[in-house]
Amino acid sequence: MTPDRYAAFLAAFMPSLTQEIMRRRDMSFRQALRALYTSPFYADLEDETTKLWRLSPLLLADLWEEEQNTGTYDYPEAL
């Protein structure tokens, strides 16, 4: 996937992921977006080669939550 295409794809599902973070953490949209974009998890998500983009927003939120709670997350084996 080209970098431009991946960026467009990522932007398309970010609202769903952000909404899930808002729901789980009782945050505003701005707070959730900031929490997501500044996380090490998001750096991994931005890297197309990790294939994290293949996961649903709910599973991505699970991984983000795990990283927030423990400082790390288990990379899914199936990717």
PDB file of N, CA and C in Angstrom:
ATOM      1  N   MET A   1       0.851  -1.171   0.000  1.00  0.00           N
ATOM      2  CA  MET A   1       0.000   0.000   0.000  1.00  0.00           C
ATOM      3  C   MET A   1       0.898   1.236   0.000  1.00  0.00           C
ATOM      4  N   THR A   2       0.564   2.211  -0.816  1.00  0.00           N
ATOM      5  CA  THR A   2       1.364   3.422  -0.872  1.00  0.00           C
ATOM      6  C   THR A   2       1.182   4.242   0.411  1.00  0.00           C
ATOM      7  N   PRO A   3       2.157   5.070   0.770  1.00  0.00           N
ATOM      8  CA  PRO A   3       2.018   5.893   1.982  1.00  0.00           C
ATOM      9  C   PRO A   3       0.774   6.788   1.970  1.00  0.00           C
ATOM     10  N   ASP A   4       0.466   7.384   0.825  1.00  0.00           N
ATOM     11  CA  ASP A   4      -0.722   8.240   0.738  1.00  0.00           C
ATOM     12  C   ASP A   4      -2.004   7.440   0.918  1.00  0.00           C
ATOM     13  N   ARG A   5      -2.041   6.286   0.318  1.00  0.00           N
ATOM     14  CA  ARG A   5      -3.231   5.435   0.446  1.00  0.00           C
ATOM     15  C   ARG A   5      -3.378   4.955   1.884  1.00  0.00           C
ATOM     16  N   TYR A   6      -2.276   4.591   2.516  1.00  0.00           N
ATOM     17  CA  TYR A   6      -2.342   4.147   3.901  1.00  0.00           C
ATOM     18  C   TYR A   6      -2.797   5.281   4.819  1.00  0.00           C
ATOM     19  N   ALA A   7      -2.297   6.475   4.598  1.00  0.00           N
ATOM     20  CA  ALA A   7      -2.712   7.627   5.410  1.00  0.00           C
ATOM     21  C   ALA A   7      -4.210   7.869   5.264  1.00  0.00           C
ATOM     22  N   ALA A   8      -4.735   7.742   4.060  1.00  0.00           N
ATOM     23  CA  ALA A   8      -6.173   7.906   3.836  1.00  0.00           C
ATOM     24  C   ALA A   8      -6.956   6.800   4.527  1.00  0.00           C
ATOM     25  N   PHE A   9      -6.470   5.589   4.445  1.00  0.00           N
ATOM     26  CA  PHE A   9      -7.125   4.461   5.104  1.00  0.00           C
ATOM     27  C   PHE A   9      -7.138   4.663   6.618  1.00  0.00           C
ATOM     28  N   LEU A  10      -6.018   5.057   7.164  1.00  0.00           N
ATOM     29  CA  LEU A  10      -5.903   5.291   8.599  1.00  0.00           C
ATOM     30  C   LEU A  10      -6.876   6.384   9.047  1.00  0.00           C
ATOM     31  N   ALA A  11      -6.948   7.452   8.283  1.00  0.00           N
ATOM     32  CA  ALA A  11      -7.853   8.557   8.611  1.00  0.00           C
ATOM     33  C   ALA A  11      -9.312   8.112   8.580  1.00  0.00           C
ATOM     34  N   ALA A  12      -9.631   7.149   7.748  1.00  0.00           N
ATOM     35  CA  ALA A  12     -11.017   6.692   7.616  1.00  0.00           C
ATOM     36  C   ALA A  12     -11.516   5.952   8.855  1.00  0.00           C
ATOM     37  N   PHE A  13     -10.647   5.201   9.528  1.00  0.00           N
ATOM     38  CA  PHE A  13     -11.145   4.478  10.700  1.00  0.00           C
ATOM     39  C   PHE A  13     -10.773   5.116  12.031  1.00  0.00           C
ATOM     40  N   MET A  14     -10.049   6.220  11.990  1.00  0.00           N
ATOM     41  CA  MET A  14      -9.700   6.905  13.238  1.00  0.00           C
ATOM     42  C   MET A  14     -10.920   7.396  14.015  1.00  0.00           C
ATOM     43  N   PRO A  15     -11.984   7.886  13.372  1.00  0.00           N
ATOM     44  CA  PRO A  15     -13.143   8.309  14.164  1.00  0.00           C
ATOM     45  C   PRO A  15     -13.740   7.180  15.007  1.00  0.00           C
ATOM     46  N   SER A  16     -13.825   5.976  14.450  1.00  0.00           N
ATOM     47  CA  SER A  16     -14.374   4.843  15.208  1.00  0.00           C
ATOM     48  C   SER A  16     -13.488   4.488  16.390  1.00  0.00           C
ATOM     49  N   LEU A  17     -12.193   4.483  16.171  1.00  0.00           N
ATOM     50  CA  LEU A  17     -11.249   4.176  17.248  1.00  0.00           C
ATOM     51  C   LEU A  17     -11.295   5.257  18.320  1.00  0.00           C
ATOM     52  N   THR A  18     -11.332   6.505  17.904  1.00  0.00           N
ATOM     53  CA  THR A  18     -11.390   7.613  18.854  1.00  0.00           C
ATOM     54  C   THR A  18     -12.677   7.571  19.664  1.00  0.00           C
ATOM     55  N   GLN A  19     -13.787   7.273  19.025  1.00  0.00           N
ATOM     56  CA  GLN A  19     -15.065   7.168  19.742  1.00  0.00           C
ATOM     57  C   GLN A  19     -15.030   6.048  20.773  1.00  0.00           C
ATOM     58  N   GLU A  20     -14.390   4.950  20.437  1.00  0.00           N
ATOM     59  CA  GLU A  20     -14.300   3.843  21.396  1.00  0.00           C
ATOM     60  C   GLU A  20     -13.455   4.254  22.600  1.00  0.00           C
ATOM     61  N   ILE A  21     -12.370   4.957  22.368  1.00  0.00           N
ATOM     62  CA  ILE A  21     -11.542   5.454  23.473  1.00  0.00           C
ATOM     63  C   ILE A  21     -12.339   6.438  24.320  1.00  0.00           C
ATOM     64  N   MET A  22     -13.103   7.321  23.680  1.00  0.00           N
ATOM     65  CA  MET A  22     -13.951   8.271  24.408  1.00  0.00           C
ATOM     66  C   MET A  22     -14.911   7.520  25.327  1.00  0.00           C
ATOM     67  N   ARG A  23     -15.539   6.485  24.795  1.00  0.00           N
ATOM     68  CA  ARG A  23     -16.510   5.711  25.565  1.00  0.00           C
ATOM     69  C   ARG A  23     -15.847   5.013  26.747  1.00  0.00           C
ATOM     70  N   ARG A  24     -14.722   4.389  26.506  1.00  0.00           N
ATOM     71  CA  ARG A  24     -14.054   3.615  27.557  1.00  0.00           C
ATOM     72  C   ARG A  24     -13.476   4.486  28.658  1.00  0.00           C
ATOM     73  N   ARG A  25     -12.978   5.643  28.295  1.00  0.00           N
ATOM     74  CA  ARG A  25     -12.281   6.494  29.267  1.00  0.00           C
ATOM     75  C   ARG A  25     -13.079   7.725  29.681  1.00  0.00           C
ATOM     76  N   ASP A  26     -14.304   7.826  29.186  1.00  0.00           N
ATOM     77  CA  ASP A  26     -15.156   8.986  29.486  1.00  0.00           C
ATOM     78  C   ASP A  26     -14.407  10.280  29.208  1.00  0.00           C
ATOM     79  N   MET A  27     -13.898  10.389  27.993  1.00  0.00           N
ATOM     80  CA  MET A  27     -13.106  11.543  27.560  1.00  0.00           C
ATOM     81  C   MET A  27     -13.858  12.322  26.496  1.00  0.00           C
ATOM     82  N   SER A  28     -13.479  13.566  26.340  1.00  0.00           N
ATOM     83  CA  SER A  28     -13.973  14.354  25.209  1.00  0.00           C
ATOM     84  C   SER A  28     -13.252  13.864  23.948  1.00  0.00           C
ATOM     85  N   PHE A  29     -13.766  14.289  22.805  1.00  0.00           N
ATOM     86  CA  PHE A  29     -13.131  13.921  21.545  1.00  0.00           C
ATOM     87  C   PHE A  29     -11.684  14.406  21.508  1.00  0.00           C
ATOM     88  N   ARG A  30     -11.476  15.640  21.897  1.00  0.00           N
ATOM     89  CA  ARG A  30     -10.129  16.222  21.882  1.00  0.00           C
ATOM     90  C   ARG A  30      -9.188  15.455  22.816  1.00  0.00           C
ATOM     91  N   GLN A  31      -9.653  15.113  24.001  1.00  0.00           N
ATOM     92  CA  GLN A  31      -8.817  14.370  24.956  1.00  0.00           C
ATOM     93  C   GLN A  31      -8.461  12.987  24.409  1.00  0.00           C
ATOM     94  N   ALA A  32      -9.459  12.314  23.842  1.00  0.00           N
ATOM     95  CA  ALA A  32      -9.221  10.971  23.298  1.00  0.00           C
ATOM     96  C   ALA A  32      -8.257  11.011  22.124  1.00  0.00           C
ATOM     97  N   LEU A  33      -8.440  11.983  21.263  1.00  0.00           N
ATOM     98  CA  LEU A  33      -7.556  12.118  20.111  1.00  0.00           C
ATOM     99  C   LEU A  33      -6.125  12.392  20.554  1.00  0.00           C
ATOM    100  N   ARG A  34      -5.960  13.273  21.512  1.00  0.00           N
ATOM    101  CA  ARG A  34      -4.620  13.580  22.026  1.00  0.00           C
ATOM    102  C   ARG A  34      -3.999  12.339  22.679  1.00  0.00           C
ATOM    103  N   ALA A  35      -4.784  11.636  23.485  1.00  0.00           N
ATOM    104  CA  ALA A  35      -4.277  10.435  24.157  1.00  0.00           C
ATOM    105  C   ALA A  35      -3.838   9.384  23.136  1.00  0.00           C
ATOM    106  N   LEU A  36      -4.609   9.231  22.086  1.00  0.00           N
ATOM    107  CA  LEU A  36      -4.273   8.256  21.054  1.00  0.00           C
ATOM    108  C   LEU A  36      -3.039   8.683  20.267  1.00  0.00           C
ATOM    109  N   TYR A  37      -3.040   9.911  19.751  1.00  0.00           N
ATOM    110  CA  TYR A  37      -1.951  10.368  18.895  1.00  0.00           C
ATOM    111  C   TYR A  37      -0.610  10.483  19.606  1.00  0.00           C
ATOM    112  N   THR A  38      -0.613  10.655  20.905  1.00  0.00           N
ATOM    113  CA  THR A  38       0.649  10.777  21.636  1.00  0.00           C
ATOM    114  C   THR A  38       1.120   9.453  22.228  1.00  0.00           C
ATOM    115  N   SER A  39       0.398   8.394  21.972  1.00  0.00           N
ATOM    116  CA  SER A  39       0.770   7.096  22.545  1.00  0.00           C
ATOM    117  C   SER A  39       1.781   6.366  21.667  1.00  0.00           C
ATOM    118  N   PRO A  40       2.649   5.570  22.286  1.00  0.00           N
ATOM    119  CA  PRO A  40       3.545   4.724  21.500  1.00  0.00           C
ATOM    120  C   PRO A  40       2.762   3.756  20.594  1.00  0.00           C
ATOM    121  N   PHE A  41       1.589   3.340  21.044  1.00  0.00           N
ATOM    122  CA  PHE A  41       0.754   2.459  20.234  1.00  0.00           C
ATOM    123  C   PHE A  41       0.431   3.103  18.881  1.00  0.00           C
ATOM    124  N   TYR A  42       0.117   4.395  18.900  1.00  0.00           N
ATOM    125  CA  TYR A  42      -0.226   5.068  17.643  1.00  0.00           C
ATOM    126  C   TYR A  42       0.973   5.083  16.697  1.00  0.00           C
ATOM    127  N   ALA A  43       2.151   5.223  17.218  1.00  0.00           N
ATOM    128  CA  ALA A  43       3.339   5.167  16.359  1.00  0.00           C
ATOM    129  C   ALA A  43       3.410   3.821  15.643  1.00  0.00           C
ATOM    130  N   ASP A  44       3.067   2.748  16.342  1.00  0.00           N
ATOM    131  CA  ASP A  44       3.025   1.431  15.707  1.00  0.00           C
ATOM    132  C   ASP A  44       1.900   1.355  14.683  1.00  0.00           C
ATOM    133  N   LEU A  45       0.762   1.925  15.016  1.00  0.00           N
ATOM    134  CA  LEU A  45      -0.373   1.912  14.102  1.00  0.00           C
ATOM    135  C   LEU A  45      -0.062   2.693  12.827  1.00  0.00           C
ATOM    136  N   GLU A  46       0.679   3.773  12.943  1.00  0.00           N
ATOM    137  CA  GLU A  46       1.071   4.569  11.774  1.00  0.00           C
ATOM    138  C   GLU A  46       1.996   3.809  10.829  1.00  0.00           C
ATOM    139  N   ASP A  47       2.690   2.832  11.349  1.00  0.00           N
ATOM    140  CA  ASP A  47       3.626   2.040  10.544  1.00  0.00           C
ATOM    141  C   ASP A  47       2.848   0.937   9.820  1.00  0.00           C
ATOM    142  N   GLU A  48       2.653   1.096   8.532  1.00  0.00           N
ATOM    143  CA  GLU A  48       1.852   0.152   7.747  1.00  0.00           C
ATOM    144  C   GLU A  48       2.380  -1.274   7.850  1.00  0.00           C
ATOM    145  N   THR A  49       3.676  -1.427   8.015  1.00  0.00           N
ATOM    146  CA  THR A  49       4.270  -2.766   8.028  1.00  0.00           C
ATOM    147  C   THR A  49       3.881  -3.584   9.261  1.00  0.00           C
ATOM    148  N   THR A  50       3.373  -2.930  10.315  1.00  0.00           N
ATOM    149  CA  THR A  50       2.939  -3.687  11.498  1.00  0.00           C
ATOM    150  C   THR A  50       1.659  -4.465  11.236  1.00  0.00           C
ATOM    151  N   LYS A  51       0.919  -4.052  10.231  1.00  0.00           N
ATOM    152  CA  LYS A  51      -0.355  -4.676   9.842  1.00  0.00           C
ATOM    153  C   LYS A  51      -1.433  -4.536  10.918  1.00  0.00           C
ATOM    154  N   LEU A  52      -1.239  -3.648  11.893  1.00  0.00           N
ATOM    155  CA  LEU A  52      -2.267  -3.410  12.899  1.00  0.00           C
ATOM    156  C   LEU A  52      -3.548  -2.899  12.264  1.00  0.00           C
ATOM    157  N   TRP A  53      -3.446  -2.252  11.122  1.00  0.00           N
ATOM    158  CA  TRP A  53      -4.603  -1.699  10.431  1.00  0.00           C
ATOM    159  C   TRP A  53      -5.601  -2.778  10.031  1.00  0.00           C
ATOM    160  N   ARG A  54      -5.191  -4.002  10.050  1.00  0.00           N
ATOM    161  CA  ARG A  54      -6.103  -5.099   9.702  1.00  0.00           C
ATOM    162  C   ARG A  54      -7.120  -5.385  10.806  1.00  0.00           C
ATOM    163  N   LEU A  55      -6.868  -4.886  11.993  1.00  0.00           N
ATOM    164  CA  LEU A  55      -7.745  -5.146  13.139  1.00  0.00           C
ATOM    165  C   LEU A  55      -8.906  -4.157  13.181  1.00  0.00           C
ATOM    166  N   SER A  56      -9.979  -4.571  13.817  1.00  0.00           N
ATOM    167  CA  SER A  56     -11.139  -3.698  13.961  1.00  0.00           C
ATOM    168  C   SER A  56     -10.842  -2.582  14.956  1.00  0.00           C
ATOM    169  N   PRO A  57     -11.602  -1.500  14.894  1.00  0.00           N
ATOM    170  CA  PRO A  57     -11.420  -0.438  15.885  1.00  0.00           C
ATOM    171  C   PRO A  57     -11.574  -0.932  17.328  1.00  0.00           C
ATOM    172  N   LEU A  58     -12.444  -1.904  17.563  1.00  0.00           N
ATOM    173  CA  LEU A  58     -12.604  -2.441  18.915  1.00  0.00           C
ATOM    174  C   LEU A  58     -11.350  -3.165  19.386  1.00  0.00           C
ATOM    175  N   LEU A  59     -10.752  -3.956  18.521  1.00  0.00           N
ATOM    176  CA  LEU A  59      -9.517  -4.649  18.898  1.00  0.00           C
ATOM    177  C   LEU A  59      -8.356  -3.675  19.041  1.00  0.00           C
ATOM    178  N   LEU A  60      -8.319  -2.672  18.186  1.00  0.00           N
ATOM    179  CA  LEU A  60      -7.281  -1.647  18.315  1.00  0.00           C
ATOM    180  C   LEU A  60      -7.435  -0.898  19.636  1.00  0.00           C
ATOM    181  N   ALA A  61      -8.668  -0.620  20.028  1.00  0.00           N
ATOM    182  CA  ALA A  61      -8.910   0.046  21.308  1.00  0.00           C
ATOM    183  C   ALA A  61      -8.468  -0.846  22.464  1.00  0.00           C
ATOM    184  N   ASP A  62      -8.664  -2.153  22.328  1.00  0.00           N
ATOM    185  CA  ASP A  62      -8.187  -3.087  23.366  1.00  0.00           C
ATOM    186  C   ASP A  62      -6.671  -2.987  23.512  1.00  0.00           C
ATOM    187  N   LEU A  63      -5.960  -2.963  22.384  1.00  0.00           N
ATOM    188  CA  LEU A  63      -4.499  -2.875  22.422  1.00  0.00           C
ATOM    189  C   LEU A  63      -4.047  -1.540  22.996  1.00  0.00           C
ATOM    190  N   TRP A  64      -4.713  -0.462  22.584  1.00  0.00           N
ATOM    191  CA  TRP A  64      -4.376   0.859  23.110  1.00  0.00           C
ATOM    192  C   TRP A  64      -4.601   0.885  24.622  1.00  0.00           C
ATOM    193  N   GLU A  65      -5.720   0.340  25.053  1.00  0.00           N
ATOM    194  CA  GLU A  65      -6.044   0.306  26.483  1.00  0.00           C
ATOM    195  C   GLU A  65      -5.001  -0.502  27.262  1.00  0.00           C
ATOM    196  N   GLU A  66      -4.607  -1.619  26.697  1.00  0.00           N
ATOM    197  CA  GLU A  66      -3.576  -2.444  27.335  1.00  0.00           C
ATOM    198  C   GLU A  66      -2.274  -1.657  27.484  1.00  0.00           C
ATOM    199  N   GLU A  67      -1.910  -0.935  26.440  1.00  0.00           N
ATOM    200  CA  GLU A  67      -0.691  -0.140  26.509  1.00  0.00           C
ATOM    201  C   GLU A  67      -0.815   0.973  27.560  1.00  0.00           C
ATOM    202  N   GLN A  68      -1.972   1.596  27.638  1.00  0.00           N
ATOM    203  CA  GLN A  68      -2.187   2.652  28.621  1.00  0.00           C
ATOM    204  C   GLN A  68      -2.110   2.121  30.051  1.00  0.00           C
ATOM    205  N   ASN A  69      -2.614   0.916  30.252  1.00  0.00           N
ATOM    206  CA  ASN A  69      -2.654   0.332  31.603  1.00  0.00           C
ATOM    207  C   ASN A  69      -1.335  -0.298  32.034  1.00  0.00           C
ATOM    208  N   THR A  70      -0.574  -0.825  31.077  1.00  0.00           N
ATOM    209  CA  THR A  70       0.624  -1.586  31.439  1.00  0.00           C
ATOM    210  C   THR A  70       1.922  -1.008  30.890  1.00  0.00           C
ATOM    211  N   GLY A  71       1.813  -0.086  29.934  1.00  0.00           N
ATOM    212  CA  GLY A  71       3.004   0.460  29.303  1.00  0.00           C
ATOM    213  C   GLY A  71       3.452  -0.322  28.081  1.00  0.00           C
ATOM    214  N   THR A  72       2.770  -1.414  27.796  1.00  0.00           N
ATOM    215  CA  THR A  72       3.084  -2.232  26.634  1.00  0.00           C
ATOM    216  C   THR A  72       1.821  -2.968  26.197  1.00  0.00           C
ATOM    217  N   TYR A  73       1.895  -3.645  25.082  1.00  0.00           N
ATOM    218  CA  TYR A  73       0.775  -4.467  24.629  1.00  0.00           C
ATOM    219  C   TYR A  73       1.334  -5.679  23.901  1.00  0.00           C
ATOM    220  N   ASP A  74       0.537  -6.731  23.906  1.00  0.00           N
ATOM    221  CA  ASP A  74       0.930  -7.947  23.204  1.00  0.00           C
ATOM    222  C   ASP A  74       0.540  -7.819  21.739  1.00  0.00           C
ATOM    223  N   TYR A  75       1.516  -7.922  20.883  1.00  0.00           N
ATOM    224  CA  TYR A  75       1.273  -7.836  19.449  1.00  0.00           C
ATOM    225  C   TYR A  75       0.483  -9.057  18.999  1.00  0.00           C
ATOM    226  N   PRO A  76      -0.622  -8.874  18.288  1.00  0.00           N
ATOM    227  CA  PRO A  76      -1.430 -10.024  17.867  1.00  0.00           C
ATOM    228  C   PRO A  76      -0.636 -10.966  16.970  1.00  0.00           C
ATOM    229  N   GLU A  77      -0.700 -12.229  17.277  1.00  0.00           N
ATOM    230  CA  GLU A  77       0.040 -13.258  16.535  1.00  0.00           C
ATOM    231  C   GLU A  77      -0.479 -13.433  15.108  1.00  0.00           C
ATOM    232  N   ALA A  78      -1.776 -13.238  14.921  1.00  0.00           N
ATOM    233  CA  ALA A  78      -2.403 -13.557  13.641  1.00  0.00           C
ATOM    234  C   ALA A  78      -2.075 -12.577  12.523  1.00  0.00           C
ATOM    235  N   LEU A  79      -1.367 -11.513  12.817  1.00  0.00           N
ATOM    236  CA  LEU A  79      -1.068 -10.552  11.760  1.00  0.00           C
ATOM    237  C   LEU A  79       0.152 -11.020  11.037  1.00  0.00           C
TER     238      LEU A  79
END
